[in-house]
Amino acid sequence: MNQVASQYQLENNLFLYLIRIVEHEGLTQSDLAELIQVDKTTLSRALKKLDDRGYIDKVTDAQNKNYKQLYPTQKARERYEALAKLEQQYIKGRLSPLSAAELAGLNKILNKILHN
């Protein structure tokens, strides 16, 4: 996936951050760190790259000046469909060897982890 995404200057998993920002417009950096499960230092570096490359806008939250809300630019929206499709194909390919029962079990385990 990194190879294909690199044509958009979204190497090193930057495309994952961008996809989540498009899907959750206005989320904060803290929300994104939790969503992707990455430390804040790594996230800050990635967001700087996305900002420098014209993919996101950081807007100071009106309620709390310490929070920056993240919004995709038009450039990001234009790339989103191709990137989301690529991500879905990747996931589908990785899960294809699993039976329906195995997928159900995996889903159950993931939900348990998510809610604990």
C-alpha atoms as a PDB file:
ATOM      1  CA  MET A   1       0.000   0.000   0.000  1.00  0.00           C
ATOM      2  CA  ASN A   2       2.849   2.377   0.795  1.00  0.00           C
ATOM      3  CA  GLN A   3       4.214   1.863  -2.704  1.00  0.00           C
ATOM      4  CA  VAL A   4       0.966   2.872  -4.390  1.00  0.00           C
ATOM      5  CA  ALA A   5       0.329   5.736  -1.935  1.00  0.00           C
ATOM      6  CA  SER A   6       3.821   7.107  -2.520  1.00  0.00           C
ATOM      7  CA  GLN A   7       2.681   8.403  -5.923  1.00  0.00           C
ATOM      8  CA  TYR A   8       0.616  10.926  -3.919  1.00  0.00           C
ATOM      9  CA  GLN A   9       3.505  11.714  -1.517  1.00  0.00           C
ATOM     10  CA  LEU A  10       1.720   9.671   1.169  1.00  0.00           C
ATOM     11  CA  GLU A  11       4.431   7.161   1.999  1.00  0.00           C
ATOM     12  CA  ASN A  12       5.142   5.693   5.456  1.00  0.00           C
ATOM     13  CA  ASN A  13       1.464   5.190   6.236  1.00  0.00           C
ATOM     14  CA  LEU A  14       0.546   8.867   5.794  1.00  0.00           C
ATOM     15  CA  PHE A  15      -2.401   7.662   3.727  1.00  0.00           C
ATOM     16  CA  LEU A  16      -3.879   5.999   6.842  1.00  0.00           C
ATOM     17  CA  TYR A  17      -3.936   9.306   8.695  1.00  0.00           C
ATOM     18  CA  LEU A  18      -5.416  11.071   5.694  1.00  0.00           C
ATOM     19  CA  ILE A  19      -8.184   8.501   5.195  1.00  0.00           C
ATOM     20  CA  ARG A  20      -9.252   8.825   8.843  1.00  0.00           C
ATOM     21  CA  ILE A  21      -9.195  12.645   8.668  1.00  0.00           C
ATOM     22  CA  VAL A  22     -11.460  12.631   5.603  1.00  0.00           C
ATOM     23  CA  GLU A  23     -13.805  10.138   7.277  1.00  0.00           C
ATOM     24  CA  HIS A  24     -13.884  12.080  10.571  1.00  0.00           C
ATOM     25  CA  GLU A  25     -13.644  15.745   9.578  1.00  0.00           C
ATOM     26  CA  GLY A  26     -12.961  18.087  12.467  1.00  0.00           C
ATOM     27  CA  LEU A  27     -11.526  15.520  14.848  1.00  0.00           C
ATOM     28  CA  THR A  28      -8.721  16.632  17.140  1.00  0.00           C
ATOM     29  CA  GLN A  29      -5.159  15.371  17.113  1.00  0.00           C
ATOM     30  CA  SER A  30      -5.865  13.492  20.359  1.00  0.00           C
ATOM     31  CA  ASP A  31      -8.913  11.824  18.807  1.00  0.00           C
ATOM     32  CA  LEU A  32      -6.881  10.806  15.768  1.00  0.00           C
ATOM     33  CA  ALA A  33      -4.056   9.423  17.933  1.00  0.00           C
ATOM     34  CA  GLU A  34      -6.576   7.269  19.769  1.00  0.00           C
ATOM     35  CA  LEU A  35      -8.345   6.211  16.583  1.00  0.00           C
ATOM     36  CA  ILE A  36      -5.150   5.099  14.858  1.00  0.00           C
ATOM     37  CA  GLN A  37      -3.420   3.961  18.066  1.00  0.00           C
ATOM     38  CA  VAL A  38      -0.227   5.926  17.549  1.00  0.00           C
ATOM     39  CA  ASP A  39       1.802   8.054  19.939  1.00  0.00           C
ATOM     40  CA  LYS A  40       1.396  11.818  19.770  1.00  0.00           C
ATOM     41  CA  THR A  41       4.982  12.477  18.672  1.00  0.00           C
ATOM     42  CA  THR A  42       4.640  10.213  15.638  1.00  0.00           C
ATOM     43  CA  LEU A  43       1.270  11.746  14.882  1.00  0.00           C
ATOM     44  CA  SER A  44       2.626  15.300  15.084  1.00  0.00           C
ATOM     45  CA  ARG A  45       5.376  14.510  12.584  1.00  0.00           C
ATOM     46  CA  ALA A  46       2.896  12.880  10.208  1.00  0.00           C
ATOM     47  CA  LEU A  47       0.443  15.776  10.468  1.00  0.00           C
ATOM     48  CA  LYS A  48       3.213  18.271   9.746  1.00  0.00           C
ATOM     49  CA  LYS A  49       4.025  16.374   6.542  1.00  0.00           C
ATOM     50  CA  LEU A  50       0.358  16.252   5.526  1.00  0.00           C
ATOM     51  CA  ASP A  51       0.009  19.970   6.220  1.00  0.00           C
ATOM     52  CA  ASP A  52       3.210  20.845   4.328  1.00  0.00           C
ATOM     53  CA  ARG A  53       2.022  18.796   1.334  1.00  0.00           C
ATOM     54  CA  GLY A  54      -1.353  20.526   1.246  1.00  0.00           C
ATOM     55  CA  TYR A  55      -3.537  17.639   2.420  1.00  0.00           C
ATOM     56  CA  ILE A  56      -4.923  19.016   5.690  1.00  0.00           C
ATOM     57  CA  ASP A  57      -5.867  22.220   7.434  1.00  0.00           C
ATOM     58  CA  LYS A  58      -5.429  22.600  11.190  1.00  0.00           C
ATOM     59  CA  VAL A  59      -8.057  24.873  12.709  1.00  0.00           C
ATOM     60  CA  THR A  60      -7.945  26.096  16.299  1.00  0.00           C
ATOM     61  CA  ASP A  61     -11.000  24.857  18.187  1.00  0.00           C
ATOM     62  CA  ALA A  62     -13.357  27.699  19.105  1.00  0.00           C
ATOM     63  CA  GLN A  63     -14.135  26.159  22.528  1.00  0.00           C
ATOM     64  CA  ASN A  64     -10.588  25.234  23.523  1.00  0.00           C
ATOM     65  CA  LYS A  65      -7.650  27.116  22.001  1.00  0.00           C
ATOM     66  CA  ASN A  66      -5.282  24.235  22.869  1.00  0.00           C
ATOM     67  CA  TYR A  67      -7.028  21.863  20.455  1.00  0.00           C
ATOM     68  CA  LYS A  68      -6.495  21.818  16.723  1.00  0.00           C
ATOM     69  CA  GLN A  69      -9.248  20.333  14.622  1.00  0.00           C
ATOM     70  CA  LEU A  70      -8.168  18.544  11.466  1.00  0.00           C
ATOM     71  CA  TYR A  71      -9.874  19.054   8.128  1.00  0.00           C
ATOM     72  CA  PRO A  72      -9.048  17.609   4.717  1.00  0.00           C
ATOM     73  CA  THR A  73      -8.287  19.962   1.862  1.00  0.00           C
ATOM     74  CA  GLN A  74      -9.808  19.595  -1.583  1.00  0.00           C
ATOM     75  CA  LYS A  75      -6.612  17.821  -2.620  1.00  0.00           C
ATOM     76  CA  ALA A  76      -7.205  15.243   0.128  1.00  0.00           C
ATOM     77  CA  ARG A  77     -10.816  14.728  -0.896  1.00  0.00           C
ATOM     78  CA  GLU A  78      -9.721  14.132  -4.479  1.00  0.00           C
ATOM     79  CA  ARG A  79      -7.310  11.383  -3.369  1.00  0.00           C
ATOM     80  CA  TYR A  80      -9.654   9.836  -0.784  1.00  0.00           C
ATOM     81  CA  GLU A  81     -11.691   7.569  -3.035  1.00  0.00           C
ATOM     82  CA  ALA A  82      -8.632   5.903  -4.573  1.00  0.00           C
ATOM     83  CA  LEU A  83      -6.929   5.540  -1.186  1.00  0.00           C
ATOM     84  CA  ALA A  84     -10.011   4.162   0.569  1.00  0.00           C
ATOM     85  CA  LYS A  85     -10.535   1.664  -2.246  1.00  0.00           C
ATOM     86  CA  LEU A  86      -6.899   0.608  -1.981  1.00  0.00           C
ATOM     87  CA  GLU A  87      -7.246   0.151   1.779  1.00  0.00           C
ATOM     88  CA  GLN A  88     -10.403  -1.951   1.385  1.00  0.00           C
ATOM     89  CA  GLN A  89      -8.741  -4.170  -1.219  1.00  0.00           C
ATOM     90  CA  TYR A  90      -5.768  -4.660   1.079  1.00  0.00           C
ATOM     91  CA  ILE A  91      -7.970  -5.618   4.033  1.00  0.00           C
ATOM     92  CA  LYS A  92     -10.096  -7.924   1.901  1.00  0.00           C
ATOM     93  CA  GLY A  93      -6.970  -9.641   0.586  1.00  0.00           C
ATOM     94  CA  ARG A  94      -5.565 -10.176   4.071  1.00  0.00           C
ATOM     95  CA  LEU A  95      -8.843 -11.557   5.411  1.00  0.00           C
ATOM     96  CA  SER A  96      -9.636 -13.761   2.378  1.00  0.00           C
ATOM     97  CA  PRO A  97      -7.934 -16.901   3.780  1.00  0.00           C
ATOM     98  CA  LEU A  98     -10.269 -16.873   6.810  1.00  0.00           C
ATOM     99  CA  SER A  99     -13.504 -18.855   6.886  1.00  0.00           C
ATOM    100  CA  ALA A 100     -16.817 -17.249   7.841  1.00  0.00           C
ATOM    101  CA  ALA A 101     -16.523 -18.763  11.332  1.00  0.00           C
ATOM    102  CA  GLU A 102     -12.981 -17.437  11.718  1.00  0.00           C
ATOM    103  CA  LEU A 103     -14.078 -13.962  10.591  1.00  0.00           C
ATOM    104  CA  ALA A 104     -16.926 -14.018  13.116  1.00  0.00           C
ATOM    105  CA  GLY A 105     -14.497 -15.067  15.852  1.00  0.00           C
ATOM    106  CA  LEU A 106     -12.033 -12.349  14.877  1.00  0.00           C
ATOM    107  CA  ASN A 107     -14.799  -9.758  14.866  1.00  0.00           C
ATOM    108  CA  LYS A 108     -15.906 -10.908  18.331  1.00  0.00           C
ATOM    109  CA  ILE A 109     -12.363 -10.653  19.702  1.00  0.00           C
ATOM    110  CA  LEU A 110     -11.761  -7.230  18.159  1.00  0.00           C
ATOM    111  CA  ASN A 111     -15.042  -5.909  19.576  1.00  0.00           C
ATOM    112  CA  LYS A 112     -14.090  -7.232  23.005  1.00  0.00           C
ATOM    113  CA  ILE A 113     -10.722  -5.459  22.814  1.00  0.00           C
ATOM    114  CA  LEU A 114     -12.346  -2.271  21.574  1.00  0.00           C
ATOM    115  CA  HIS A 115     -14.881  -2.134  24.394  1.00  0.00           C
ATOM    116  CA  ASN A 116     -12.543  -3.009  27.280  1.00  0.00           C
END
